[in-house]
């Protein structure tokens, strides 16, 4: 695996989501289940198994490089698409949930909050993966009930030391 800026950011986002409080984990005696996201997947899947909702799919997006502060420093921006899939059991709670049921807006907010806990994506203490990131766009795809889909664009910005970090 190449150790590019994009790879580091992609892996960091995946690992943060899998370690966050929203990821479903069953452990202990007696078993206790926490979180509600059942899968975090690399790449689009044709069919997500029926018992694997809600799920998050990560897809790389556009990478751009631009002028930085000097001739040796560059700005690299990497867009990561975070696609949230959920199946809703209650028609009235598919958008905004309640204390017991998550709606698609709750799901999007939970994903953003999990990532914002690590503003430079340094989830493991080995160093920052970006200078900062933002969520410039969330696109909701109206699907046939009971399925809802939201695509979060995450844009990570890195100020590189050198002509390129590729």
Protein backbone atom coordinates (compact mmCIF):
# COMPACT_ATOMS: atom_id res chain seq x y z
CA UNK A 1 0.00 0.00 0.00
CA UNK A 2 1.35 3.40 -0.96
CA UNK A 3 1.72 5.77 1.96
CA UNK A 4 0.09 8.78 0.29
CA UNK A 5 -1.81 11.60 1.96
CA UNK A 6 -5.03 10.19 0.53
CA UNK A 7 -4.36 6.70 1.92
CA UNK A 8 -3.59 8.08 5.38
CA UNK A 9 -6.78 10.14 5.46
CA UNK A 10 -8.95 7.31 4.12
CA UNK A 11 -7.63 4.81 6.70
CA UNK A 12 -7.95 7.34 9.53
CA UNK A 13 -11.61 8.05 8.73
CA UNK A 14 -12.39 4.33 8.51
CA UNK A 15 -10.67 3.54 11.81
CA UNK A 16 -12.24 6.52 13.63
CA UNK A 17 -15.72 5.45 12.54
CA UNK A 18 -15.09 1.82 13.54
CA UNK A 19 -13.81 2.90 16.98
CA UNK A 20 -16.50 5.51 17.63
CA UNK A 21 -19.47 5.18 19.93
CA UNK A 22 -21.83 4.93 16.93
CA UNK A 23 -20.28 1.63 15.74
CA UNK A 24 -22.13 -1.45 16.95
CA UNK A 25 -20.02 -3.59 19.27
CA UNK A 26 -21.17 -6.53 21.34
CA UNK A 27 -18.84 -7.57 24.16
CA UNK A 28 -18.68 -8.65 27.76
CA UNK A 29 -20.52 -11.13 29.93
CA UNK A 30 -23.43 -10.74 29.75
CA UNK A 31 -23.05 -9.29 26.24
CA UNK A 32 -23.78 -5.59 25.92
CA UNK A 33 -24.35 -3.97 22.52
CA UNK A 34 -23.36 -0.35 21.99
CA UNK A 35 -23.76 1.88 18.95
CA UNK A 36 -25.96 1.27 15.94
CA UNK A 37 -23.81 1.40 12.77
CA UNK A 38 -23.33 -2.21 11.68
CA UNK A 39 -20.78 -1.83 8.85
CA UNK A 40 -18.10 0.60 7.68
CA UNK A 41 -17.14 -0.49 4.16
CA UNK A 42 -14.40 0.50 1.72
CA UNK A 43 -16.04 1.19 -1.62
CA UNK A 44 -19.54 0.97 -3.04
CA UNK A 45 -21.31 -2.34 -2.69
CA UNK A 46 -23.98 -3.48 -5.10
CA UNK A 47 -26.08 -4.94 -2.35
CA UNK A 48 -25.57 -4.38 1.34
CA UNK A 49 -26.82 -7.40 3.25
CA UNK A 50 -30.28 -6.96 4.75
CA UNK A 51 -29.00 -7.26 8.31
CA UNK A 52 -26.13 -4.79 7.75
CA UNK A 53 -28.08 -1.50 8.03
CA UNK A 54 -27.22 1.16 8.98
CA UNK A 55 -23.95 1.14 7.07
CA UNK A 56 -21.30 3.66 6.03
CA UNK A 57 -19.48 3.33 2.71
CA UNK A 58 -16.28 5.32 2.11
CA UNK A 59 -15.36 6.38 -1.42
CA UNK A 60 -12.39 8.53 -2.48
CA UNK A 61 -13.29 11.72 -4.29
CA UNK A 62 -11.37 14.48 -6.02
CA UNK A 63 -7.79 15.41 -5.03
CA UNK A 64 -6.47 18.85 -5.95
CA UNK A 65 -3.06 20.42 -5.45
CA UNK A 66 -2.49 24.15 -5.39
CA UNK A 67 0.04 26.78 -4.52
CA UNK A 68 1.05 26.96 -0.90
CA UNK A 69 2.97 29.56 1.03
CA UNK A 70 6.31 29.05 -0.77
CA UNK A 71 7.58 27.32 -3.89
CA UNK A 72 8.30 24.17 -1.81
CA UNK A 73 5.00 24.05 0.07
CA UNK A 74 1.76 22.97 -1.59
CA UNK A 75 -1.85 22.77 -0.54
CA UNK A 76 -3.41 19.39 -1.14
CA UNK A 77 -7.16 18.95 -0.78
CA UNK A 78 -8.66 15.47 -0.72
CA UNK A 79 -12.40 14.90 -0.88
CA UNK A 80 -13.76 11.76 0.73
CA UNK A 81 -17.34 10.71 0.13
CA UNK A 82 -18.97 9.23 3.23
CA UNK A 83 -22.20 7.54 2.19
CA UNK A 84 -24.70 6.71 4.93
CA UNK A 85 -27.27 3.99 4.23
CA UNK A 86 -30.12 3.22 6.58
CA UNK A 87 -33.33 1.28 6.63
CA UNK A 88 -36.17 2.96 8.51
CA UNK A 89 -38.77 1.10 10.50
CA UNK A 90 -40.98 4.12 11.18
CA UNK A 91 -42.19 6.34 8.32
CA UNK A 92 -42.60 9.35 10.62
CA UNK A 93 -39.03 9.08 11.97
CA UNK A 94 -37.09 8.53 8.73
CA UNK A 95 -35.78 12.12 8.64
CA UNK A 96 -35.71 13.23 12.28
CA UNK A 97 -35.70 10.45 14.83
CA UNK A 98 -36.33 10.47 18.56
CA UNK A 99 -34.65 9.06 21.67
CA UNK A 100 -35.19 5.48 20.43
CA UNK A 101 -35.04 5.75 16.64
CA UNK A 102 -32.42 7.42 14.45
CA UNK A 103 -33.46 9.41 11.40
CA UNK A 104 -31.15 10.17 8.47
CA UNK A 105 -30.34 13.65 9.85
CA UNK A 106 -29.34 12.07 13.18
CA UNK A 107 -27.14 9.55 11.36
CA UNK A 108 -25.33 12.30 9.41
CA UNK A 109 -24.82 14.35 12.58
CA UNK A 110 -23.44 11.32 14.47
CA UNK A 111 -20.90 10.58 11.70
CA UNK A 112 -19.73 14.21 11.63
CA UNK A 113 -19.43 14.32 15.43
CA UNK A 114 -17.40 11.09 15.50
CA UNK A 115 -14.89 12.54 13.03
CA UNK A 116 -14.81 16.03 14.56
CA UNK A 117 -13.51 14.46 17.79
CA UNK A 118 -10.18 14.23 15.88
CA UNK A 119 -9.72 17.61 14.13
CA UNK A 120 -6.45 16.57 12.46
CA UNK A 121 -7.41 12.84 12.18
CA UNK A 122 -4.67 11.82 14.66
CA UNK A 123 -6.77 8.99 16.08
CA UNK A 124 -3.86 6.75 17.13
CA UNK A 125 -1.28 9.24 18.43
CA UNK A 126 1.15 8.73 15.54
CA UNK A 127 0.69 12.15 13.97
CA UNK A 128 -1.81 14.30 12.19
CA UNK A 129 -3.15 13.21 8.80
CA UNK A 130 -4.37 16.68 7.76
CA UNK A 131 -4.22 20.29 8.90
CA UNK A 132 -7.99 20.52 9.03
CA UNK A 133 -11.14 19.22 7.38
CA UNK A 134 -14.67 20.41 6.70
CA UNK A 135 -17.96 19.03 5.47
CA UNK A 136 -18.84 21.42 2.62
CA UNK A 137 -21.82 19.42 1.36
CA UNK A 138 -24.33 16.78 2.36
CA UNK A 139 -26.47 15.40 -0.42
CA UNK A 140 -29.61 13.42 0.42
CA UNK A 141 -30.84 10.88 -2.07
CA UNK A 142 -34.56 10.27 -1.80
CA UNK A 143 -35.05 6.53 -2.05
CA UNK A 144 -38.08 4.38 -1.75
CA UNK A 145 -39.15 3.97 1.84
CA UNK A 146 -37.87 2.27 4.00
CA UNK A 147 -34.36 3.18 2.72
CA UNK A 148 -32.61 6.54 3.14
CA UNK A 149 -29.20 7.59 1.77
CA UNK A 150 -27.04 10.63 2.55
CA UNK A 151 -23.67 11.44 0.97
CA UNK A 152 -21.37 13.58 3.10
CA UNK A 153 -18.46 15.26 1.34
CA UNK A 154 -15.49 15.58 3.66
CA UNK A 155 -12.70 17.85 2.40
CA UNK A 156 -9.35 17.39 4.15
CA UNK A 157 -6.66 20.04 3.62
CA UNK A 158 -2.95 19.32 4.01
CA UNK A 159 -0.09 21.82 3.73
CA UNK A 160 2.74 19.67 2.36
CA UNK A 161 6.47 20.07 2.89
CA UNK A 162 7.83 19.68 -0.62
CA UNK A 163 6.56 19.96 -4.15
CA UNK A 164 4.05 17.17 -3.61
CA UNK A 165 3.11 14.48 -1.11
CA UNK A 166 2.15 12.04 -3.84
